[in-house]
Amino acid sequence: MAATPPVVAVLRERTRDALFARIAGPDGPRNRTRIHESPGPRWFGPDSAIRRVHGDTAMFVGGLRALLLQSLHPLAMAAVAAHSGYRGDPWGRLQRTSTFLATTTFGTADDAARAVAVVRAVHRRVRGTAADGRPYRADDPHLLTWVHIAEVDSFLRAHQRYGAHPLDQAGQDRYVAETAVIAGKLGVPDPPLTVAALDEQLAQYRLELHGTRDARLAARFLLVTPPIPWPAKLPYAALAASAVAMLPGWARPELRLPHLPVAEATVVRAAGTGLVKAVRWVMTAPEPPGRSA
């Protein structure tokens, strides 16, 4: 393989460092070392499906799609709007979420258990009343289940479309079952263990889902006015369009988002593929000099 030109290598390294800092935060390097290098048993082995999915840059698309889909449950969205601070500290929220996913997927069993305990403690404190007068609490098993299945569905769909190594049917079922390990520890009472069960649970929530004012404001913030530097605006637009294109058709009107089937099947899909591949290249450490491919 030809050596990467020095200028390109420098740009790649700087972009990788900047992107990692955004995703992982100031404690990112220390957390990365602890997560990946600490000795001890893990919840998931090197060949697990969850490691393949959560370690791929298609997660960028899946994560944004998950946030949009989760917002369509009015009580879940009310809790996010009142307690998450996503507007005042969106990067902090992203960093906490990415660290939790990395810890539970790749970290030691002890670290993963501690991360789950922290999240459960936070959930116990989050409660209130939605705009329609209904009470909510973040540790409600019904809401926990919705957040979990919307996330798993989004991560898996994004991986199957944009991941470097999509899973076969058995691998997809294995991924759903492996995420159920974490979900159960977070308090989800009956997480799905197969893709068929995941689809069934998603369908059971359909009548509860609709776009509230908070959900539409969140979608606008995430898709139109995110606090990102101007050089990242065009790549982020491709990310946002890719996430929206993967939403269920019924979800678009609820969030007042357009549905452009031809453009989404051609231009948007090509842009999403190019973006995920570019980020994957940036985030992958180059091989040592002299090593052949």
C-alpha atoms as a PDB file:
ATOM      1  CA  MET A   1       0.000   0.000   0.000  1.00  0.00           C
ATOM      2  CA  ALA A   2       1.347   3.455  -0.914  1.00  0.00           C
ATOM      3  CA  ALA A   3       2.334   5.674   1.976  1.00  0.00           C
ATOM      4  CA  THR A   4      -0.085   8.460   2.897  1.00  0.00           C
ATOM      5  CA  PRO A   5       1.324  11.885   1.858  1.00  0.00           C
ATOM      6  CA  PRO A   6       2.579  13.808   4.927  1.00  0.00           C
ATOM      7  CA  VAL A   7       0.113  16.682   4.521  1.00  0.00           C
ATOM      8  CA  VAL A   8      -2.823  14.241   4.280  1.00  0.00           C
ATOM      9  CA  ALA A   9      -1.535  12.296   7.284  1.00  0.00           C
ATOM     10  CA  VAL A  10      -1.357  15.480   9.358  1.00  0.00           C
ATOM     11  CA  LEU A  11      -4.871  16.560   8.332  1.00  0.00           C
ATOM     12  CA  ARG A  12      -6.163  13.079   9.089  1.00  0.00           C
ATOM     13  CA  GLU A  13      -4.610  13.095  12.552  1.00  0.00           C
ATOM     14  CA  ARG A  14      -5.894  16.566  13.376  1.00  0.00           C
ATOM     15  CA  THR A  15      -9.390  15.721  12.183  1.00  0.00           C
ATOM     16  CA  ARG A  16      -9.353  12.463  14.154  1.00  0.00           C
ATOM     17  CA  ASP A  17      -8.248  14.254  17.319  1.00  0.00           C
ATOM     18  CA  ALA A  18     -10.856  16.993  16.915  1.00  0.00           C
ATOM     19  CA  LEU A  19     -13.656  14.524  16.259  1.00  0.00           C
ATOM     20  CA  PHE A  20     -12.621  12.295  19.146  1.00  0.00           C
ATOM     21  CA  ALA A  21     -12.503  15.320  21.477  1.00  0.00           C
ATOM     22  CA  ARG A  22     -16.048  16.244  20.484  1.00  0.00           C
ATOM     23  CA  ILE A  23     -17.376  12.739  20.977  1.00  0.00           C
ATOM     24  CA  ALA A  24     -15.430  11.679  24.065  1.00  0.00           C
ATOM     25  CA  GLY A  25     -14.731  14.976  25.825  1.00  0.00           C
ATOM     26  CA  PRO A  26     -11.670  16.101  27.797  1.00  0.00           C
ATOM     27  CA  ASP A  27     -11.493  12.795  29.660  1.00  0.00           C
ATOM     28  CA  GLY A  28     -11.646  10.824  26.420  1.00  0.00           C
ATOM     29  CA  PRO A  29      -8.016   9.645  26.251  1.00  0.00           C
ATOM     30  CA  ARG A  30      -8.048   8.509  29.876  1.00  0.00           C
ATOM     31  CA  ASN A  31     -11.411   6.805  29.477  1.00  0.00           C
ATOM     32  CA  ARG A  32     -10.269   5.081  26.290  1.00  0.00           C
ATOM     33  CA  THR A  33      -7.226   3.662  28.024  1.00  0.00           C
ATOM     34  CA  ARG A  34      -9.288   2.447  30.971  1.00  0.00           C
ATOM     35  CA  ILE A  35     -12.031   0.940  28.798  1.00  0.00           C
ATOM     36  CA  HIS A  36      -9.824  -0.905  26.345  1.00  0.00           C
ATOM     37  CA  GLU A  37      -6.678  -1.698  28.334  1.00  0.00           C
ATOM     38  CA  SER A  38      -7.867  -2.535  31.854  1.00  0.00           C
ATOM     39  CA  PRO A  39      -7.526  -6.259  32.547  1.00  0.00           C
ATOM     40  CA  GLY A  40     -10.552  -8.291  33.564  1.00  0.00           C
ATOM     41  CA  PRO A  41     -13.573 -10.134  32.168  1.00  0.00           C
ATOM     42  CA  ARG A  42     -15.959  -8.319  29.826  1.00  0.00           C
ATOM     43  CA  TRP A  43     -19.680  -8.691  29.245  1.00  0.00           C
ATOM     44  CA  PHE A  44     -18.991  -9.249  25.531  1.00  0.00           C
ATOM     45  CA  GLY A  45     -16.169 -11.009  23.749  1.00  0.00           C
ATOM     46  CA  PRO A  46     -14.089  -9.808  20.780  1.00  0.00           C
ATOM     47  CA  ASP A  47     -16.299 -11.632  18.265  1.00  0.00           C
ATOM     48  CA  SER A  48     -19.611 -10.348  19.652  1.00  0.00           C
ATOM     49  CA  ALA A  49     -22.123  -8.686  17.350  1.00  0.00           C
ATOM     50  CA  ILE A  50     -22.519  -5.747  19.721  1.00  0.00           C
ATOM     51  CA  ARG A  51     -18.827  -4.921  19.402  1.00  0.00           C
ATOM     52  CA  ARG A  52     -19.073  -4.977  15.622  1.00  0.00           C
ATOM     53  CA  VAL A  53     -22.067  -2.634  15.581  1.00  0.00           C
ATOM     54  CA  HIS A  54     -21.000  -0.230  18.327  1.00  0.00           C
ATOM     55  CA  GLY A  55     -17.458  -0.022  17.008  1.00  0.00           C
ATOM     56  CA  ASP A  56     -18.480   1.093  13.522  1.00  0.00           C
ATOM     57  CA  THR A  57     -18.858   4.710  12.394  1.00  0.00           C
ATOM     58  CA  ALA A  58     -22.376   3.944  11.137  1.00  0.00           C
ATOM     59  CA  MET A  59     -23.267   4.634  14.787  1.00  0.00           C
ATOM     60  CA  PHE A  60     -23.186   8.352  13.964  1.00  0.00           C
ATOM     61  CA  VAL A  61     -26.216   7.910  11.712  1.00  0.00           C
ATOM     62  CA  GLY A  62     -27.887   5.444  14.066  1.00  0.00           C
ATOM     63  CA  GLY A  63     -27.434   7.679  17.079  1.00  0.00           C
ATOM     64  CA  LEU A  64     -29.093  10.672  15.457  1.00  0.00           C
ATOM     65  CA  ARG A  65     -31.919   8.517  14.129  1.00  0.00           C
ATOM     66  CA  ALA A  66     -32.417   7.098  17.643  1.00  0.00           C
ATOM     67  CA  LEU A  67     -32.764  10.576  19.174  1.00  0.00           C
ATOM     68  CA  LEU A  68     -35.372  11.576  16.591  1.00  0.00           C
ATOM     69  CA  LEU A  69     -37.350   8.364  17.007  1.00  0.00           C
ATOM     70  CA  GLN A  70     -37.198   8.409  20.819  1.00  0.00           C
ATOM     71  CA  SER A  71     -38.542  11.980  20.856  1.00  0.00           C
ATOM     72  CA  LEU A  72     -41.871  10.741  19.478  1.00  0.00           C
ATOM     73  CA  HIS A  73     -42.918   9.319  22.836  1.00  0.00           C
ATOM     74  CA  PRO A  74     -44.393  12.392  24.602  1.00  0.00           C
ATOM     75  CA  LEU A  75     -43.395  11.299  28.116  1.00  0.00           C
ATOM     76  CA  ALA A  76     -39.862  10.354  27.117  1.00  0.00           C
ATOM     77  CA  MET A  77     -39.509  13.685  25.309  1.00  0.00           C
ATOM     78  CA  ALA A  78     -40.907  15.597  28.292  1.00  0.00           C
ATOM     79  CA  ALA A  79     -38.224  14.056  30.500  1.00  0.00           C
ATOM     80  CA  VAL A  80     -35.489  14.929  28.009  1.00  0.00           C
ATOM     81  CA  ALA A  81     -36.722  18.504  27.560  1.00  0.00           C
ATOM     82  CA  ALA A  82     -36.937  19.151  31.295  1.00  0.00           C
ATOM     83  CA  HIS A  83     -33.899  17.301  32.601  1.00  0.00           C
ATOM     84  CA  SER A  84     -31.294  16.422  29.973  1.00  0.00           C
ATOM     85  CA  GLY A  85     -29.865  19.870  29.253  1.00  0.00           C
ATOM     86  CA  TYR A  86     -29.430  18.896  25.612  1.00  0.00           C
ATOM     87  CA  ARG A  87     -29.671  22.520  24.465  1.00  0.00           C
ATOM     88  CA  GLY A  88     -27.320  24.002  27.029  1.00  0.00           C
ATOM     89  CA  ASP A  89     -24.770  21.197  26.916  1.00  0.00           C
ATOM     90  CA  PRO A  90     -25.332  19.026  23.816  1.00  0.00           C
ATOM     91  CA  TRP A  91     -21.715  17.945  23.580  1.00  0.00           C
ATOM     92  CA  GLY A  92     -21.624  16.968  27.238  1.00  0.00           C
ATOM     93  CA  ARG A  93     -24.686  14.797  26.725  1.00  0.00           C
ATOM     94  CA  LEU A  94     -23.128  13.185  23.664  1.00  0.00           C
ATOM     95  CA  GLN A  95     -19.901  12.545  25.557  1.00  0.00           C
ATOM     96  CA  ARG A  96     -21.681  10.916  28.489  1.00  0.00           C
ATOM     97  CA  THR A  97     -23.720   8.719  26.163  1.00  0.00           C
ATOM     98  CA  SER A  98     -20.736   7.665  24.056  1.00  0.00           C
ATOM     99  CA  THR A  99     -18.696   6.870  27.179  1.00  0.00           C
ATOM    100  CA  PHE A 100     -21.543   4.749  28.557  1.00  0.00           C
ATOM    101  CA  LEU A 101     -21.862   2.811  25.296  1.00  0.00           C
ATOM    102  CA  ALA A 102     -18.109   2.271  25.068  1.00  0.00           C
ATOM    103  CA  THR A 103     -17.839   1.189  28.702  1.00  0.00           C
ATOM    104  CA  THR A 104     -20.698  -1.303  28.598  1.00  0.00           C
ATOM    105  CA  THR A 105     -19.661  -2.684  25.194  1.00  0.00           C
ATOM    106  CA  PHE A 106     -15.876  -2.858  25.520  1.00  0.00           C
ATOM    107  CA  GLY A 107     -15.010  -2.228  29.178  1.00  0.00           C
ATOM    108  CA  THR A 108     -14.492  -4.614  32.046  1.00  0.00           C
ATOM    109  CA  ALA A 109     -17.534  -6.120  33.711  1.00  0.00           C
ATOM    110  CA  ASP A 110     -16.832  -4.105  36.866  1.00  0.00           C
ATOM    111  CA  ASP A 111     -16.607  -0.814  34.952  1.00  0.00           C
ATOM    112  CA  ALA A 112     -19.742  -1.645  32.980  1.00  0.00           C
ATOM    113  CA  ALA A 113     -21.669  -2.411  36.172  1.00  0.00           C
ATOM    114  CA  ARG A 114     -20.560   0.895  37.695  1.00  0.00           C
ATOM    115  CA  ALA A 115     -21.659   2.778  34.577  1.00  0.00           C
ATOM    116  CA  VAL A 116     -25.092   1.138  34.742  1.00  0.00           C
ATOM    117  CA  ALA A 117     -25.396   1.980  38.450  1.00  0.00           C
ATOM    118  CA  VAL A 118     -24.688   5.659  37.718  1.00  0.00           C
ATOM    119  CA  VAL A 119     -27.360   5.793  35.015  1.00  0.00           C
ATOM    120  CA  ARG A 120     -29.923   4.057  37.225  1.00  0.00           C
ATOM    121  CA  ALA A 121     -29.223   6.542  40.025  1.00  0.00           C
ATOM    122  CA  VAL A 122     -29.805   9.438  37.622  1.00  0.00           C
ATOM    123  CA  HIS A 123     -33.027   7.864  36.356  1.00  0.00           C
ATOM    124  CA  ARG A 124     -34.398   7.581  39.900  1.00  0.00           C
ATOM    125  CA  ARG A 125     -34.152  11.361  40.281  1.00  0.00           C
ATOM    126  CA  VAL A 126     -35.791  12.284  36.977  1.00  0.00           C
ATOM    127  CA  ARG A 127     -39.530  12.747  37.301  1.00  0.00           C
ATOM    128  CA  GLY A 128     -42.120  15.394  36.534  1.00  0.00           C
ATOM    129  CA  THR A 129     -45.309  16.202  34.662  1.00  0.00           C
ATOM    130  CA  ALA A 130     -45.667  16.456  30.892  1.00  0.00           C
ATOM    131  CA  ALA A 131     -47.483  19.295  29.144  1.00  0.00           C
ATOM    132  CA  ASP A 132     -50.585  17.111  28.824  1.00  0.00           C
ATOM    133  CA  GLY A 133     -50.712  16.628  32.601  1.00  0.00           C
ATOM    134  CA  ARG A 134     -49.427  13.062  32.714  1.00  0.00           C
ATOM    135  CA  PRO A 135     -46.705  12.256  35.244  1.00  0.00           C
ATOM    136  CA  TYR A 136     -43.472  10.661  34.082  1.00  0.00           C
ATOM    137  CA  ARG A 137     -40.382   9.154  35.659  1.00  0.00           C
ATOM    138  CA  ALA A 138     -37.251   8.066  33.860  1.00  0.00           C
ATOM    139  CA  ASP A 139     -37.108   4.717  35.643  1.00  0.00           C
ATOM    140  CA  ASP A 140     -40.604   3.761  34.442  1.00  0.00           C
ATOM    141  CA  PRO A 141     -40.074   0.298  32.864  1.00  0.00           C
ATOM    142  CA  HIS A 142     -42.425   1.196  30.004  1.00  0.00           C
ATOM    143  CA  LEU A 143     -40.397   4.277  29.057  1.00  0.00           C
ATOM    144  CA  LEU A 144     -37.100   2.456  29.561  1.00  0.00           C
ATOM    145  CA  THR A 145     -38.298  -0.176  27.129  1.00  0.00           C
ATOM    146  CA  TRP A 146     -39.222   2.430  24.505  1.00  0.00           C
ATOM    147  CA  VAL A 147     -35.852   4.183  24.757  1.00  0.00           C
ATOM    148  CA  HIS A 148     -34.064   0.839  24.483  1.00  0.00           C
ATOM    149  CA  ILE A 149     -35.919  -0.565  21.486  1.00  0.00           C
ATOM    150  CA  ALA A 150     -35.791   2.732  19.565  1.00  0.00           C
ATOM    151  CA  GLU A 151     -32.033   2.845  20.127  1.00  0.00           C
ATOM    152  CA  VAL A 152     -31.377  -0.778  19.205  1.00  0.00           C
ATOM    153  CA  ASP A 153     -33.548  -0.545  16.081  1.00  0.00           C
ATOM    154  CA  SER A 154     -31.716   2.614  14.988  1.00  0.00           C
ATOM    155  CA  PHE A 155     -28.208   1.302  15.625  1.00  0.00           C
ATOM    156  CA  LEU A 156     -28.931  -1.959  13.831  1.00  0.00           C
ATOM    157  CA  ARG A 157     -30.624  -0.381  10.816  1.00  0.00           C
ATOM    158  CA  ALA A 158     -27.797   2.120  10.395  1.00  0.00           C
ATOM    159  CA  HIS A 159     -25.240  -0.661  10.620  1.00  0.00           C
ATOM    160  CA  GLN A 160     -27.026  -2.769   8.048  1.00  0.00           C
ATOM    161  CA  ARG A 161     -27.129   0.158   5.622  1.00  0.00           C
ATOM    162  CA  TYR A 162     -23.803   1.879   6.270  1.00  0.00           C
ATOM    163  CA  GLY A 163     -21.674  -0.475   8.368  1.00  0.00           C
ATOM    164  CA  ALA A 164     -18.416  -1.880   7.025  1.00  0.00           C
ATOM    165  CA  HIS A 165     -19.515  -5.453   7.767  1.00  0.00           C
ATOM    166  CA  PRO A 166     -23.315  -5.866   7.903  1.00  0.00           C
ATOM    167  CA  LEU A 167     -24.621  -8.791   9.928  1.00  0.00           C
ATOM    168  CA  ASP A 168     -26.435 -11.828   8.593  1.00  0.00           C
ATOM    169  CA  GLN A 169     -29.809 -12.712  10.139  1.00  0.00           C
ATOM    170  CA  ALA A 170     -28.277 -14.780  12.922  1.00  0.00           C
ATOM    171  CA  GLY A 171     -25.855 -11.953  13.672  1.00  0.00           C
ATOM    172  CA  GLN A 172     -28.683  -9.419  13.825  1.00  0.00           C
ATOM    173  CA  ASP A 173     -30.568 -11.593  16.313  1.00  0.00           C
ATOM    174  CA  ARG A 174     -27.368 -12.001  18.305  1.00  0.00           C
ATOM    175  CA  TYR A 175     -26.931  -8.224  18.405  1.00  0.00           C
ATOM    176  CA  VAL A 176     -30.471  -7.715  19.730  1.00  0.00           C
ATOM    177  CA  ALA A 177     -29.907 -10.405  22.372  1.00  0.00           C
ATOM    178  CA  GLU A 178     -26.580  -8.910  23.450  1.00  0.00           C
ATOM    179  CA  THR A 179     -28.058  -5.427  23.866  1.00  0.00           C
ATOM    180  CA  ALA A 180     -30.732  -7.042  26.045  1.00  0.00           C
ATOM    181  CA  VAL A 181     -28.010  -7.857  28.588  1.00  0.00           C
ATOM    182  CA  ILE A 182     -27.386  -4.148  29.167  1.00  0.00           C
ATOM    183  CA  ALA A 183     -31.068  -3.266  28.955  1.00  0.00           C
ATOM    184  CA  GLY A 184     -31.972  -5.780  31.632  1.00  0.00           C
ATOM    185  CA  LYS A 185     -29.380  -4.318  33.978  1.00  0.00           C
ATOM    186  CA  LEU A 186     -30.803  -0.835  33.326  1.00  0.00           C
ATOM    187  CA  GLY A 187     -34.272  -1.980  34.382  1.00  0.00           C
ATOM    188  CA  VAL A 188     -35.949  -2.943  31.104  1.00  0.00           C
ATOM    189  CA  PRO A 189     -38.185  -5.832  32.195  1.00  0.00           C
ATOM    190  CA  ASP A 190     -38.501  -7.862  29.005  1.00  0.00           C
ATOM    191  CA  PRO A 191     -36.059  -6.667  26.330  1.00  0.00           C
ATOM    192  CA  PRO A 192     -36.405  -8.341  22.930  1.00  0.00           C
ATOM    193  CA  LEU A 193     -33.974 -11.121  22.068  1.00  0.00           C
ATOM    194  CA  THR A 194     -34.528 -11.296  18.296  1.00  0.00           C
ATOM    195  CA  VAL A 195     -35.207  -8.881  15.457  1.00  0.00           C
ATOM    196  CA  ALA A 196     -38.744 -10.265  15.147  1.00  0.00           C
ATOM    197  CA  ALA A 197     -39.401  -9.579  18.834  1.00  0.00           C
ATOM    198  CA  LEU A 198     -37.876  -6.102  18.445  1.00  0.00           C
ATOM    199  CA  ASP A 199     -40.215  -5.305  15.545  1.00  0.00           C
ATOM    200  CA  GLU A 200     -43.181  -6.607  17.542  1.00  0.00           C
ATOM    201  CA  GLN A 201     -42.384  -4.412  20.543  1.00  0.00           C
ATOM    202  CA  LEU A 202     -41.902  -1.349  18.333  1.00  0.00           C
ATOM    203  CA  ALA A 203     -45.328  -1.936  16.783  1.00  0.00           C
ATOM    204  CA  GLN A 204     -46.908  -2.140  20.238  1.00  0.00           C
ATOM    205  CA  TYR A 205     -45.834   1.458  20.966  1.00  0.00           C
ATOM    206  CA  ARG A 206     -47.143   2.938  17.724  1.00  0.00           C
ATOM    207  CA  LEU A 207     -50.416   4.329  19.133  1.00  0.00           C
ATOM    208  CA  GLU A 208     -48.532   6.133  21.909  1.00  0.00           C
ATOM    209  CA  LEU A 209     -46.223   8.000  19.561  1.00  0.00           C
ATOM    210  CA  HIS A 210     -46.767  11.464  18.125  1.00  0.00           C
ATOM    211  CA  GLY A 211     -44.872  14.671  17.621  1.00  0.00           C
ATOM    212  CA  THR A 212     -45.187  17.220  20.420  1.00  0.00           C
ATOM    213  CA  ARG A 213     -43.928  20.786  20.370  1.00  0.00           C
ATOM    214  CA  ASP A 214     -40.891  19.682  22.387  1.00  0.00           C
ATOM    215  CA  ALA A 215     -40.179  16.884  19.911  1.00  0.00           C
ATOM    216  CA  ARG A 216     -40.335  19.240  16.941  1.00  0.00           C
ATOM    217  CA  LEU A 217     -38.094  21.762  18.682  1.00  0.00           C
ATOM    218  CA  ALA A 218     -35.617  19.000  19.464  1.00  0.00           C
ATOM    219  CA  ALA A 219     -35.665  17.835  15.844  1.00  0.00           C
ATOM    220  CA  ARG A 220     -35.026  21.374  14.623  1.00  0.00           C
ATOM    221  CA  PHE A 221     -32.143  21.755  17.061  1.00  0.00           C
ATOM    222  CA  LEU A 222     -30.604  18.424  16.055  1.00  0.00           C
ATOM    223  CA  LEU A 223     -31.082  18.802  12.316  1.00  0.00           C
ATOM    224  CA  VAL A 224     -31.011  22.527  11.526  1.00  0.00           C
ATOM    225  CA  THR A 225     -29.307  24.510  14.290  1.00  0.00           C
ATOM    226  CA  PRO A 226     -26.788  22.214  16.025  1.00  0.00           C
ATOM    227  CA  PRO A 227     -23.800  23.998  17.620  1.00  0.00           C
ATOM    228  CA  ILE A 228     -21.137  22.826  15.209  1.00  0.00           C
ATOM    229  CA  PRO A 229     -18.247  24.714  13.578  1.00  0.00           C
ATOM    230  CA  TRP A 230     -18.829  25.889  10.019  1.00  0.00           C
ATOM    231  CA  PRO A 231     -16.375  23.432   8.366  1.00  0.00           C
ATOM    232  CA  ALA A 232     -18.505  20.580   9.716  1.00  0.00           C
ATOM    233  CA  LYS A 233     -21.836  21.923   8.491  1.00  0.00           C
ATOM    234  CA  LEU A 234     -21.831  20.188   5.109  1.00  0.00           C
ATOM    235  CA  PRO A 235     -20.814  16.750   6.477  1.00  0.00           C
ATOM    236  CA  TYR A 236     -23.346  17.178   9.275  1.00  0.00           C
ATOM    237  CA  ALA A 237     -26.053  17.961   6.712  1.00  0.00           C
ATOM    238  CA  ALA A 238     -25.297  14.618   5.045  1.00  0.00           C
ATOM    239  CA  LEU A 239     -25.482  12.907   8.453  1.00  0.00           C
ATOM    240  CA  ALA A 240     -28.785  14.576   9.288  1.00  0.00           C
ATOM    241  CA  ALA A 241     -30.334  13.734   5.917  1.00  0.00           C
ATOM    242  CA  SER A 242     -29.203  10.110   6.258  1.00  0.00           C
ATOM    243  CA  ALA A 243     -30.756   9.809   9.720  1.00  0.00           C
ATOM    244  CA  VAL A 244     -34.042  11.348   8.601  1.00  0.00           C
ATOM    245  CA  ALA A 245     -34.171   9.083   5.536  1.00  0.00           C
ATOM    246  CA  MET A 246     -34.061   6.032   7.824  1.00  0.00           C
ATOM    247  CA  LEU A 247     -37.037   7.093   9.944  1.00  0.00           C
ATOM    248  CA  PRO A 248     -40.326   5.224   9.485  1.00  0.00           C
ATOM    249  CA  GLY A 249     -42.554   6.966   6.965  1.00  0.00           C
ATOM    250  CA  TRP A 250     -45.215   7.749   9.585  1.00  0.00           C
ATOM    251  CA  ALA A 251     -42.647   9.591  11.741  1.00  0.00           C
ATOM    252  CA  ARG A 252     -41.835  12.321   9.201  1.00  0.00           C
ATOM    253  CA  PRO A 253     -45.156  14.234   9.412  1.00  0.00           C
ATOM    254  CA  GLU A 254     -45.098  13.992  13.212  1.00  0.00           C
ATOM    255  CA  LEU A 255     -41.791  15.897  13.266  1.00  0.00           C
ATOM    256  CA  ARG A 256     -42.693  18.012  10.205  1.00  0.00           C
ATOM    257  CA  LEU A 257     -39.851  16.542   8.200  1.00  0.00           C
ATOM    258  CA  PRO A 258     -39.940  16.123   4.416  1.00  0.00           C
ATOM    259  CA  HIS A 259     -40.163  12.790   2.655  1.00  0.00           C
ATOM    260  CA  LEU A 260     -38.316  12.748  -0.670  1.00  0.00           C
ATOM    261  CA  PRO A 261     -38.165   9.071  -1.720  1.00  0.00           C
ATOM    262  CA  VAL A 262     -36.184   9.516  -4.944  1.00  0.00           C
ATOM    263  CA  ALA A 263     -33.593  11.844  -3.436  1.00  0.00           C
ATOM    264  CA  GLU A 264     -33.282   9.682  -0.331  1.00  0.00           C
ATOM    265  CA  ALA A 265     -32.690   6.536  -2.383  1.00  0.00           C
ATOM    266  CA  THR A 266     -30.009   8.177  -4.502  1.00  0.00           C
ATOM    267  CA  VAL A 267     -28.362  11.409  -3.373  1.00  0.00           C
ATOM    268  CA  VAL A 268     -28.899  11.018   0.365  1.00  0.00           C
ATOM    269  CA  ARG A 269     -27.837   7.381   0.443  1.00  0.00           C
ATOM    270  CA  ALA A 270     -24.704   8.134  -1.570  1.00  0.00           C
ATOM    271  CA  ALA A 271     -23.877  11.070   0.700  1.00  0.00           C
ATOM    272  CA  GLY A 272     -24.413   8.950   3.810  1.00  0.00           C
ATOM    273  CA  THR A 273     -22.219   6.174   2.462  1.00  0.00           C
ATOM    274  CA  GLY A 274     -19.468   8.624   1.576  1.00  0.00           C
ATOM    275  CA  LEU A 275     -19.648  10.354   4.946  1.00  0.00           C
ATOM    276  CA  VAL A 276     -19.521   7.148   7.000  1.00  0.00           C
ATOM    277  CA  LYS A 277     -16.604   5.840   4.933  1.00  0.00           C
ATOM    278  CA  ALA A 278     -14.736   9.127   5.316  1.00  0.00           C
ATOM    279  CA  VAL A 279     -15.226   9.191   9.081  1.00  0.00           C
ATOM    280  CA  ARG A 280     -14.181   5.537   9.275  1.00  0.00           C
ATOM    281  CA  TRP A 281     -10.969   6.356   7.401  1.00  0.00           C
ATOM    282  CA  VAL A 282     -10.266   9.343   9.637  1.00  0.00           C
ATOM    283  CA  MET A 283     -10.903   7.444  12.860  1.00  0.00           C
ATOM    284  CA  THR A 284      -8.881   4.362  11.889  1.00  0.00           C
ATOM    285  CA  ALA A 285      -5.276   4.614  13.015  1.00  0.00           C
ATOM    286  CA  PRO A 286      -2.875   4.293  10.054  1.00  0.00           C
ATOM    287  CA  GLU A 287      -0.668   1.226   9.860  1.00  0.00           C
ATOM    288  CA  PRO A 288       2.950   1.523  11.000  1.00  0.00           C
ATOM    289  CA  PRO A 289       5.402   2.494   8.226  1.00  0.00           C
ATOM    290  CA  GLY A 290       6.656  -0.470   6.211  1.00  0.00           C
ATOM    291  CA  ARG A 291       3.738  -2.732   7.076  1.00  0.00           C
ATOM    292  CA  SER A 292       1.966  -4.182   4.069  1.00  0.00           C
ATOM    293  CA  ALA A 293      -1.809  -4.345   3.759  1.00  0.00           C
END
